[in-house]
Amino acid sequence: MIEVKISGTTLNIQSCIDWVMSPQCGGIDVFIGTVRNITKGKAVVRLEFEAYEAMALNEMRKIAEEVLHKWPVQKILIHHRTGVLQTGDVPVIIAVAAAHRDAAFEACRYAIDTLKQTVPIWKKEVFEDGEIWVAAHP
């Protein structure tokens, strides 16, 4: 099972975890991305995320389908925020449930790494002394 979502409102961590819970699954891995207060030694005021939503959802679904094909995963959820986020806010949650932990860990890492490289979501980092648009990957 797959759930993908792009939202302009706060992501609910517990709801995401609850969605992937399953009696067949002995391992759930969750990645929660948060807005940090420093990037490359510069104080971050806020982040602004924009997405080409239809394409982003399509790419997120492709990632989830690849995960289901490559690992024995029961459920995968990928949620991403758009809009203005402050330090400590959560822009991304990925939750993966599998019978065994190794598959959950590997699939979750693959999902976030691939999302950052292929999904059309951009972020603007706003600093005290300026701002810069960057792709949503390191």
N, C-alpha and C. Protein backbone atom coordinates (compact mmCIF):
# COMPACT_ATOMS: atom_id res chain seq x y z
N MET A 1 0.83 -1.19 0.00
CA MET A 1 0.00 0.00 0.00
C MET A 1 0.88 1.25 0.00
N ILE A 2 0.38 2.26 -0.66
CA ILE A 2 1.12 3.50 -0.85
C ILE A 2 0.25 4.70 -0.46
N GLU A 3 0.89 5.67 0.20
CA GLU A 3 0.24 6.96 0.41
C GLU A 3 1.27 8.05 0.13
N VAL A 4 0.95 8.96 -0.78
CA VAL A 4 1.80 10.11 -1.06
C VAL A 4 0.95 11.37 -0.92
N LYS A 5 1.60 12.45 -0.45
CA LYS A 5 0.84 13.67 -0.20
C LYS A 5 1.77 14.87 -0.21
N ILE A 6 1.28 15.96 -0.78
CA ILE A 6 1.93 17.26 -0.66
C ILE A 6 0.92 18.16 0.02
N SER A 7 1.37 18.86 1.05
CA SER A 7 0.46 19.64 1.87
C SER A 7 1.02 21.02 2.17
N GLY A 8 0.16 21.99 2.21
CA GLY A 8 0.54 23.33 2.61
C GLY A 8 0.36 23.56 4.09
N THR A 9 -0.04 22.50 4.81
CA THR A 9 -0.25 22.61 6.26
C THR A 9 0.66 21.63 7.00
N THR A 10 0.69 21.77 8.30
CA THR A 10 1.55 20.96 9.16
C THR A 10 1.34 19.46 8.93
N LEU A 11 2.45 18.73 8.82
CA LEU A 11 2.39 17.28 8.68
C LEU A 11 2.25 16.66 10.07
N ASN A 12 1.41 15.62 10.16
CA ASN A 12 1.14 14.98 11.45
C ASN A 12 1.96 13.68 11.54
N ILE A 13 3.02 13.74 12.34
CA ILE A 13 3.93 12.60 12.47
C ILE A 13 3.20 11.36 12.96
N GLN A 14 2.41 11.49 14.02
CA GLN A 14 1.74 10.32 14.58
C GLN A 14 0.75 9.70 13.60
N SER A 15 0.03 10.51 12.84
CA SER A 15 -0.90 9.97 11.84
C SER A 15 -0.16 9.18 10.78
N CYS A 16 1.03 9.64 10.41
CA CYS A 16 1.84 8.93 9.42
C CYS A 16 2.27 7.57 9.95
N ILE A 17 2.73 7.56 11.18
CA ILE A 17 3.13 6.29 11.81
C ILE A 17 1.93 5.36 11.93
N ASP A 18 0.81 5.91 12.38
CA ASP A 18 -0.40 5.09 12.52
C ASP A 18 -0.81 4.47 11.18
N TRP A 19 -0.65 5.22 10.08
CA TRP A 19 -1.06 4.72 8.77
C TRP A 19 -0.25 3.50 8.36
N VAL A 20 1.05 3.47 8.68
CA VAL A 20 1.87 2.33 8.26
C VAL A 20 1.83 1.15 9.23
N MET A 21 1.29 1.34 10.42
CA MET A 21 1.22 0.24 11.39
C MET A 21 0.43 -0.93 10.80
N SER A 22 0.93 -2.13 11.04
CA SER A 22 0.29 -3.33 10.51
C SER A 22 0.71 -4.53 11.34
N PRO A 23 -0.21 -5.44 11.64
CA PRO A 23 0.16 -6.62 12.42
C PRO A 23 1.15 -7.54 11.70
N GLN A 24 1.28 -7.41 10.37
CA GLN A 24 2.23 -8.24 9.62
C GLN A 24 3.64 -7.67 9.66
N CYS A 25 3.79 -6.47 10.19
CA CYS A 25 5.08 -5.78 10.11
C CYS A 25 5.78 -5.74 11.46
N GLY A 26 7.01 -6.22 11.47
CA GLY A 26 7.81 -6.21 12.67
C GLY A 26 8.77 -5.04 12.72
N GLY A 27 8.84 -4.27 11.62
CA GLY A 27 9.76 -3.13 11.59
C GLY A 27 9.13 -1.95 10.87
N ILE A 28 9.20 -0.80 11.51
CA ILE A 28 8.77 0.44 10.90
C ILE A 28 9.93 1.41 11.00
N ASP A 29 10.32 1.98 9.88
CA ASP A 29 11.36 2.98 9.87
C ASP A 29 10.71 4.29 9.44
N VAL A 30 11.05 5.36 10.16
CA VAL A 30 10.46 6.66 9.89
C VAL A 30 11.58 7.68 9.75
N PHE A 31 11.56 8.42 8.64
CA PHE A 31 12.46 9.54 8.47
C PHE A 31 11.63 10.81 8.63
N ILE A 32 12.07 11.68 9.53
CA ILE A 32 11.40 12.96 9.75
C ILE A 32 12.43 14.05 9.48
N GLY A 33 12.24 14.77 8.39
CA GLY A 33 13.13 15.88 8.09
C GLY A 33 12.65 17.12 8.81
N THR A 34 13.57 17.84 9.44
CA THR A 34 13.22 19.06 10.15
C THR A 34 14.04 20.24 9.64
N VAL A 35 13.51 21.43 9.82
CA VAL A 35 14.22 22.64 9.42
C VAL A 35 15.24 22.96 10.50
N ARG A 36 16.52 22.95 10.13
CA ARG A 36 17.56 23.26 11.09
C ARG A 36 17.83 24.76 11.10
N ASN A 37 18.50 25.23 12.12
CA ASN A 37 18.70 26.67 12.29
C ASN A 37 20.02 27.19 11.69
N ILE A 38 20.85 26.29 11.21
CA ILE A 38 22.14 26.68 10.62
C ILE A 38 22.38 25.88 9.35
N THR A 39 22.81 26.54 8.28
CA THR A 39 23.23 25.86 7.05
C THR A 39 24.56 26.47 6.63
N LYS A 40 25.56 25.62 6.55
CA LYS A 40 26.91 26.05 6.15
C LYS A 40 27.37 27.26 6.96
N GLY A 41 27.12 27.21 8.26
CA GLY A 41 27.57 28.24 9.18
C GLY A 41 26.74 29.51 9.20
N LYS A 42 25.65 29.54 8.42
CA LYS A 42 24.80 30.72 8.37
C LYS A 42 23.48 30.44 9.08
N ALA A 43 23.02 31.42 9.87
CA ALA A 43 21.75 31.28 10.59
C ALA A 43 20.57 31.29 9.61
N VAL A 44 19.72 30.29 9.72
CA VAL A 44 18.54 30.18 8.86
C VAL A 44 17.37 30.88 9.54
N VAL A 45 16.72 31.78 8.81
CA VAL A 45 15.53 32.47 9.32
C VAL A 45 14.30 31.61 9.06
N ARG A 46 14.21 31.08 7.83
CA ARG A 46 13.09 30.21 7.44
C ARG A 46 13.43 29.52 6.13
N LEU A 47 12.63 28.52 5.78
CA LEU A 47 12.70 27.88 4.47
C LEU A 47 11.37 28.06 3.78
N GLU A 48 11.41 28.16 2.46
CA GLU A 48 10.19 28.24 1.67
C GLU A 48 10.25 27.14 0.62
N PHE A 49 9.25 26.26 0.62
CA PHE A 49 9.20 25.14 -0.33
C PHE A 49 8.12 25.37 -1.37
N GLU A 50 8.49 25.09 -2.62
CA GLU A 50 7.53 25.12 -3.73
C GLU A 50 7.64 23.80 -4.47
N ALA A 51 6.53 23.37 -5.06
CA ALA A 51 6.53 22.11 -5.80
C ALA A 51 5.72 22.26 -7.07
N TYR A 52 6.12 21.53 -8.08
CA TYR A 52 5.29 21.31 -9.25
C TYR A 52 4.44 20.11 -8.83
N GLU A 53 3.28 20.40 -8.22
CA GLU A 53 2.56 19.40 -7.44
C GLU A 53 2.18 18.14 -8.20
N ALA A 54 1.59 18.26 -9.36
CA ALA A 54 1.16 17.05 -10.09
C ALA A 54 2.36 16.17 -10.41
N MET A 55 3.43 16.78 -10.89
CA MET A 55 4.62 16.01 -11.22
C MET A 55 5.29 15.46 -9.96
N ALA A 56 5.33 16.25 -8.90
CA ALA A 56 5.93 15.80 -7.64
C ALA A 56 5.19 14.58 -7.09
N LEU A 57 3.87 14.63 -7.09
CA LEU A 57 3.09 13.48 -6.60
C LEU A 57 3.34 12.25 -7.46
N ASN A 58 3.43 12.45 -8.77
CA ASN A 58 3.71 11.34 -9.68
C ASN A 58 5.08 10.73 -9.37
N GLU A 59 6.09 11.57 -9.18
CA GLU A 59 7.43 11.08 -8.87
C GLU A 59 7.48 10.40 -7.50
N MET A 60 6.77 10.95 -6.53
CA MET A 60 6.72 10.33 -5.20
C MET A 60 6.08 8.94 -5.28
N ARG A 61 5.02 8.83 -6.08
CA ARG A 61 4.36 7.53 -6.26
C ARG A 61 5.32 6.55 -6.94
N LYS A 62 6.09 7.01 -7.92
CA LYS A 62 7.07 6.15 -8.60
C LYS A 62 8.10 5.62 -7.60
N ILE A 63 8.57 6.49 -6.73
CA ILE A 63 9.53 6.06 -5.70
C ILE A 63 8.91 4.98 -4.83
N ALA A 64 7.67 5.21 -4.39
CA ALA A 64 6.99 4.25 -3.53
C ALA A 64 6.81 2.91 -4.25
N GLU A 65 6.45 2.96 -5.53
CA GLU A 65 6.29 1.72 -6.29
C GLU A 65 7.62 0.99 -6.44
N GLU A 66 8.71 1.74 -6.66
CA GLU A 66 10.04 1.13 -6.74
C GLU A 66 10.40 0.44 -5.42
N VAL A 67 10.08 1.10 -4.32
CA VAL A 67 10.35 0.52 -3.00
C VAL A 67 9.61 -0.81 -2.85
N LEU A 68 8.34 -0.83 -3.22
CA LEU A 68 7.55 -2.06 -3.10
C LEU A 68 8.11 -3.17 -3.99
N HIS A 69 8.69 -2.79 -5.12
CA HIS A 69 9.26 -3.76 -6.05
C HIS A 69 10.62 -4.30 -5.56
N LYS A 70 11.43 -3.42 -4.94
CA LYS A 70 12.80 -3.79 -4.56
C LYS A 70 12.92 -4.46 -3.19
N TRP A 71 12.00 -4.16 -2.27
CA TRP A 71 12.08 -4.70 -0.91
C TRP A 71 10.74 -5.30 -0.51
N PRO A 72 10.75 -6.26 0.42
CA PRO A 72 9.49 -6.84 0.91
C PRO A 72 8.82 -5.91 1.92
N VAL A 73 8.32 -4.80 1.41
CA VAL A 73 7.69 -3.76 2.22
C VAL A 73 6.17 -3.90 2.09
N GLN A 74 5.47 -3.72 3.20
CA GLN A 74 4.00 -3.80 3.20
C GLN A 74 3.37 -2.45 2.88
N LYS A 75 3.94 -1.38 3.48
CA LYS A 75 3.37 -0.04 3.32
C LYS A 75 4.48 1.00 3.24
N ILE A 76 4.22 2.05 2.45
CA ILE A 76 5.13 3.18 2.41
C ILE A 76 4.32 4.46 2.30
N LEU A 77 4.72 5.44 3.06
CA LEU A 77 4.08 6.75 3.07
C LEU A 77 5.15 7.80 2.83
N ILE A 78 4.85 8.76 1.94
CA ILE A 78 5.75 9.88 1.66
C ILE A 78 4.91 11.14 1.68
N HIS A 79 5.16 12.02 2.65
CA HIS A 79 4.46 13.31 2.74
C HIS A 79 5.49 14.43 2.69
N HIS A 80 5.17 15.51 1.97
CA HIS A 80 6.07 16.66 1.90
C HIS A 80 5.25 17.94 2.05
N ARG A 81 5.82 18.89 2.75
CA ARG A 81 5.21 20.21 2.96
C ARG A 81 5.62 21.17 1.88
N THR A 82 4.78 22.16 1.63
CA THR A 82 5.13 23.32 0.83
C THR A 82 4.81 24.55 1.66
N GLY A 83 5.29 25.69 1.21
CA GLY A 83 5.03 26.94 1.91
C GLY A 83 6.20 27.34 2.78
N VAL A 84 5.92 28.26 3.71
CA VAL A 84 6.93 28.83 4.59
C VAL A 84 7.04 27.98 5.85
N LEU A 85 8.26 27.54 6.16
CA LEU A 85 8.51 26.73 7.35
C LEU A 85 9.56 27.40 8.22
N GLN A 86 9.35 27.31 9.51
CA GLN A 86 10.25 27.89 10.50
C GLN A 86 11.18 26.81 11.05
N THR A 87 12.22 27.24 11.74
CA THR A 87 13.13 26.31 12.40
C THR A 87 12.33 25.32 13.26
N GLY A 88 12.63 24.05 13.11
CA GLY A 88 11.94 23.01 13.88
C GLY A 88 10.73 22.42 13.17
N ASP A 89 10.20 23.10 12.15
CA ASP A 89 9.07 22.55 11.40
C ASP A 89 9.51 21.31 10.61
N VAL A 90 8.53 20.52 10.20
CA VAL A 90 8.78 19.26 9.50
C VAL A 90 8.36 19.38 8.04
N PRO A 91 9.34 19.41 7.12
CA PRO A 91 8.99 19.47 5.70
C PRO A 91 8.74 18.10 5.05
N VAL A 92 9.27 17.02 5.63
CA VAL A 92 9.10 15.71 4.99
C VAL A 92 9.03 14.59 6.03
N ILE A 93 8.13 13.65 5.74
CA ILE A 93 8.02 12.42 6.54
C ILE A 93 7.96 11.25 5.57
N ILE A 94 8.79 10.26 5.82
CA ILE A 94 8.72 9.00 5.07
C ILE A 94 8.62 7.90 6.11
N ALA A 95 7.61 7.05 5.95
CA ALA A 95 7.42 5.93 6.87
C ALA A 95 7.28 4.65 6.05
N VAL A 96 8.01 3.63 6.48
CA VAL A 96 8.03 2.36 5.77
C VAL A 96 7.81 1.23 6.77
N ALA A 97 6.91 0.32 6.43
CA ALA A 97 6.65 -0.84 7.28
C ALA A 97 6.95 -2.12 6.51
N ALA A 98 7.68 -3.02 7.18
CA ALA A 98 8.05 -4.29 6.57
C ALA A 98 8.06 -5.36 7.66
N ALA A 99 8.06 -6.60 7.23
CA ALA A 99 8.10 -7.71 8.20
C ALA A 99 9.39 -7.66 9.01
N HIS A 100 10.48 -7.23 8.38
CA HIS A 100 11.78 -7.21 9.04
C HIS A 100 12.45 -5.84 8.92
N ARG A 101 13.23 -5.48 9.91
CA ARG A 101 13.81 -4.14 10.00
C ARG A 101 14.75 -3.78 8.87
N ASP A 102 15.56 -4.73 8.39
CA ASP A 102 16.52 -4.41 7.33
C ASP A 102 15.82 -3.82 6.11
N ALA A 103 14.74 -4.44 5.68
CA ALA A 103 14.00 -3.94 4.51
C ALA A 103 13.45 -2.55 4.79
N ALA A 104 12.92 -2.34 5.98
CA ALA A 104 12.35 -1.03 6.33
C ALA A 104 13.43 0.05 6.31
N PHE A 105 14.59 -0.22 6.92
CA PHE A 105 15.69 0.75 6.93
C PHE A 105 16.17 1.07 5.51
N GLU A 106 16.44 0.03 4.73
CA GLU A 106 16.98 0.23 3.38
C GLU A 106 15.99 0.97 2.49
N ALA A 107 14.73 0.59 2.57
CA ALA A 107 13.71 1.22 1.74
C ALA A 107 13.50 2.68 2.11
N CYS A 108 13.54 2.98 3.39
CA CYS A 108 13.35 4.36 3.84
C CYS A 108 14.50 5.24 3.37
N ARG A 109 15.72 4.76 3.50
CA ARG A 109 16.88 5.53 3.02
C ARG A 109 16.79 5.75 1.52
N TYR A 110 16.45 4.71 0.78
CA TYR A 110 16.31 4.84 -0.67
C TYR A 110 15.25 5.89 -1.01
N ALA A 111 14.14 5.86 -0.31
CA ALA A 111 13.04 6.79 -0.60
C ALA A 111 13.45 8.24 -0.39
N ILE A 112 14.09 8.57 0.72
CA ILE A 112 14.47 9.97 0.95
C ILE A 112 15.59 10.38 0.01
N ASP A 113 16.57 9.52 -0.23
CA ASP A 113 17.66 9.88 -1.13
C ASP A 113 17.14 10.11 -2.55
N THR A 114 16.23 9.27 -3.01
CA THR A 114 15.69 9.40 -4.36
C THR A 114 14.77 10.62 -4.45
N LEU A 115 13.96 10.84 -3.44
CA LEU A 115 13.09 12.02 -3.42
C LEU A 115 13.90 13.29 -3.61
N LYS A 116 14.98 13.40 -2.89
CA LYS A 116 15.81 14.61 -2.95
C LYS A 116 16.44 14.80 -4.33
N GLN A 117 16.60 13.73 -5.09
CA GLN A 117 17.22 13.84 -6.40
C GLN A 117 16.23 13.96 -7.55
N THR A 118 15.02 13.43 -7.40
CA THR A 118 14.12 13.35 -8.57
C THR A 118 12.81 14.11 -8.46
N VAL A 119 12.38 14.45 -7.27
CA VAL A 119 11.05 15.07 -7.12
C VAL A 119 11.17 16.59 -7.28
N PRO A 120 10.32 17.19 -8.13
CA PRO A 120 10.40 18.63 -8.38
C PRO A 120 9.83 19.47 -7.21
N ILE A 121 10.64 19.52 -6.17
CA ILE A 121 10.36 20.36 -5.01
C ILE A 121 11.61 21.21 -4.80
N TRP A 122 11.39 22.51 -4.66
CA TRP A 122 12.51 23.43 -4.49
C TRP A 122 12.37 24.14 -3.17
N LYS A 123 13.51 24.49 -2.60
CA LYS A 123 13.45 25.25 -1.35
C LYS A 123 14.28 26.52 -1.47
N LYS A 124 13.76 27.54 -0.83
CA LYS A 124 14.48 28.79 -0.70
C LYS A 124 14.95 28.86 0.74
N GLU A 125 16.26 28.99 0.92
CA GLU A 125 16.81 29.19 2.26
C GLU A 125 16.92 30.69 2.49
N VAL A 126 16.28 31.15 3.54
CA VAL A 126 16.31 32.57 3.87
C VAL A 126 17.20 32.74 5.09
N PHE A 127 18.25 33.55 4.92
CA PHE A 127 19.21 33.82 5.97
C PHE A 127 19.04 35.25 6.47
N GLU A 128 19.74 35.59 7.52
CA GLU A 128 19.68 36.95 8.04
C GLU A 128 20.21 37.96 7.02
N ASP A 129 21.11 37.51 6.14
CA ASP A 129 21.74 38.44 5.20
C ASP A 129 21.47 38.11 3.73
N GLY A 130 20.39 37.40 3.45
CA GLY A 130 20.06 37.08 2.07
C GLY A 130 19.30 35.78 1.94
N GLU A 131 19.14 35.34 0.71
CA GLU A 131 18.40 34.10 0.45
C GLU A 131 18.93 33.45 -0.81
N ILE A 132 18.65 32.13 -0.93
CA ILE A 132 19.10 31.39 -2.11
C ILE A 132 18.11 30.26 -2.37
N TRP A 133 17.77 30.07 -3.66
CA TRP A 133 16.95 28.94 -4.08
C TRP A 133 17.88 27.76 -4.30
N VAL A 134 17.52 26.62 -3.75
CA VAL A 134 18.29 25.40 -3.95
C VAL A 134 17.32 24.25 -4.19
N ALA A 135 17.78 23.22 -4.87
CA ALA A 135 16.97 22.00 -4.98
C ALA A 135 16.88 21.42 -3.58
N ALA A 136 15.85 20.66 -3.32
CA ALA A 136 15.63 20.11 -1.98
C ALA A 136 16.53 18.89 -1.73
N HIS A 137 17.80 19.05 -2.06
CA HIS A 137 18.78 18.00 -1.75
C HIS A 137 20.08 18.67 -1.31
N PRO A 138 20.93 17.95 -0.57
CA PRO A 138 22.14 18.57 -0.03
C PRO A 138 23.09 19.09 -1.09
